[in-house]
C-alpha atoms as a PDB file:
ATOM      1  CA  UNK A   1      -4.425   6.938 -19.760  1.00  0.00           C
ATOM      2  CA  UNK A   2      -7.732   8.664 -20.239  1.00  0.00           C
ATOM      3  CA  UNK A   3      -9.468  10.578 -17.458  1.00  0.00           C
ATOM      4  CA  UNK A   4     -12.314   8.042 -17.682  1.00  0.00           C
ATOM      5  CA  UNK A   5      -9.987   5.109 -16.931  1.00  0.00           C
ATOM      6  CA  UNK A   6      -8.296   7.045 -14.146  1.00  0.00           C
ATOM      7  CA  UNK A   7     -11.696   7.805 -12.615  1.00  0.00           C
ATOM      8  CA  UNK A   8     -12.676   4.144 -12.946  1.00  0.00           C
ATOM      9  CA  UNK A   9      -9.517   3.050 -11.132  1.00  0.00           C
ATOM     10  CA  UNK A  10     -10.294   5.498  -8.324  1.00  0.00           C
ATOM     11  CA  UNK A  11     -13.838   4.138  -8.131  1.00  0.00           C
ATOM     12  CA  UNK A  12     -12.480   0.587  -8.047  1.00  0.00           C
ATOM     13  CA  UNK A  13     -10.135   1.444  -5.195  1.00  0.00           C
ATOM     14  CA  UNK A  14     -12.954   3.071  -3.236  1.00  0.00           C
ATOM     15  CA  UNK A  15     -15.312   0.130  -3.888  1.00  0.00           C
ATOM     16  CA  UNK A  16     -17.766   2.289  -5.801  1.00  0.00           C
ATOM     17  CA  UNK A  17     -17.280   1.086  -9.393  1.00  0.00           C
ATOM     18  CA  UNK A  18     -20.274  -0.305 -11.221  1.00  0.00           C
ATOM     19  CA  UNK A  19     -20.255  -3.680 -12.980  1.00  0.00           C
ATOM     20  CA  UNK A  20     -19.911  -1.931 -16.346  1.00  0.00           C
ATOM     21  CA  UNK A  21     -16.957   0.101 -15.067  1.00  0.00           C
ATOM     22  CA  UNK A  22     -15.316  -3.044 -13.692  1.00  0.00           C
ATOM     23  CA  UNK A  23     -15.729  -4.728 -17.077  1.00  0.00           C
ATOM     24  CA  UNK A  24     -14.132  -1.741 -18.840  1.00  0.00           C
ATOM     25  CA  UNK A  25     -11.286  -1.750 -16.316  1.00  0.00           C
ATOM     26  CA  UNK A  26     -10.785  -5.492 -16.722  1.00  0.00           C
ATOM     27  CA  UNK A  27     -10.469  -5.119 -20.489  1.00  0.00           C
ATOM     28  CA  UNK A  28      -8.087  -2.175 -20.079  1.00  0.00           C
ATOM     29  CA  UNK A  29      -5.865  -4.164 -17.698  1.00  0.00           C
ATOM     30  CA  UNK A  30      -5.412  -6.948 -20.274  1.00  0.00           C
ATOM     31  CA  UNK A  31      -2.761  -4.741 -21.919  1.00  0.00           C
ATOM     32  CA  UNK A  32       0.578  -5.303 -20.153  1.00  0.00           C
ATOM     33  CA  UNK A  33       1.534  -1.615 -19.961  1.00  0.00           C
ATOM     34  CA  UNK A  34      -1.916  -0.768 -18.581  1.00  0.00           C
ATOM     35  CA  UNK A  35      -1.538  -3.562 -16.048  1.00  0.00           C
ATOM     36  CA  UNK A  36       1.669  -1.913 -14.770  1.00  0.00           C
ATOM     37  CA  UNK A  37      -0.080   1.459 -14.475  1.00  0.00           C
ATOM     38  CA  UNK A  38      -2.902  -0.218 -12.543  1.00  0.00           C
ATOM     39  CA  UNK A  39      -0.407  -1.926 -10.209  1.00  0.00           C
ATOM     40  CA  UNK A  40       1.207   1.450  -9.497  1.00  0.00           C
ATOM     41  CA  UNK A  41      -2.185   2.939  -8.598  1.00  0.00           C
ATOM     42  CA  UNK A  42      -2.973   0.004  -6.297  1.00  0.00           C
ATOM     43  CA  UNK A  43       0.445   0.184  -4.639  1.00  0.00           C
ATOM     44  CA  UNK A  44       0.144   3.940  -4.085  1.00  0.00           C
ATOM     45  CA  UNK A  45      -3.387   3.554  -2.715  1.00  0.00           C
ATOM     46  CA  UNK A  46      -2.218   0.842  -0.313  1.00  0.00           C
ATOM     47  CA  UNK A  47       0.791   2.890   0.822  1.00  0.00           C
ATOM     48  CA  UNK A  48      -1.344   5.945   1.509  1.00  0.00           C
ATOM     49  CA  UNK A  49      -3.961   3.959   3.416  1.00  0.00           C
ATOM     50  CA  UNK A  50      -1.310   2.128   5.401  1.00  0.00           C
ATOM     51  CA  UNK A  51       0.438   5.316   6.421  1.00  0.00           C
ATOM     52  CA  UNK A  52      -2.839   6.960   7.397  1.00  0.00           C
ATOM     53  CA  UNK A  53      -3.855   3.987   9.491  1.00  0.00           C
ATOM     54  CA  UNK A  54      -0.421   3.712  11.047  1.00  0.00           C
ATOM     55  CA  UNK A  55      -0.439   7.324  12.238  1.00  0.00           C
ATOM     56  CA  UNK A  56      -3.938   6.882  13.602  1.00  0.00           C
ATOM     57  CA  UNK A  57      -2.754   3.858  15.558  1.00  0.00           C
ATOM     58  CA  UNK A  58       0.161   5.799  16.989  1.00  0.00           C
ATOM     59  CA  UNK A  59      -2.149   8.670  17.965  1.00  0.00           C
ATOM     60  CA  UNK A  60      -4.631   6.328  19.650  1.00  0.00           C
ATOM     61  CA  UNK A  61      -1.813   4.614  21.536  1.00  0.00           C
ATOM     62  CA  UNK A  62      -0.405   7.964  22.641  1.00  0.00           C
ATOM     63  CA  UNK A  63      -3.825   9.034  23.924  1.00  0.00           C
ATOM     64  CA  UNK A  64      -4.653   5.737  25.655  1.00  0.00           C
ATOM     65  CA  UNK A  65      -1.368   5.037  27.454  1.00  0.00           C
ATOM     66  CA  UNK A  66      -1.833   7.789  30.073  1.00  0.00           C
ATOM     67  CA  UNK A  67      -5.383   6.572  30.769  1.00  0.00           C
ATOM     68  CA  UNK A  68      -4.155   2.997  31.197  1.00  0.00           C
ATOM     69  CA  UNK A  69      -1.398   4.143  33.542  1.00  0.00           C
ATOM     70  CA  UNK A  70      -3.903   6.040  35.719  1.00  0.00           C
ATOM     71  CA  UNK A  71      -6.079   2.950  36.081  1.00  0.00           C
ATOM     72  CA  UNK A  72      -3.194   0.893  37.517  1.00  0.00           C
END
């Protein structure tokens, strides 16, 4: 994979890819081995975002529970 394609995938995942970049990425994904690489990037991106959001949820819950208890 070229650095340009890798950068385009990152832009795609962060919703900042241009139309031209999306077209290039779409053509690149037509190759089955490239499609698997793309799926791995998407899966990793999802897993990272999920874990970040999950820990934020736990932190918010931890901070809010004492406040809720005081209000009762």
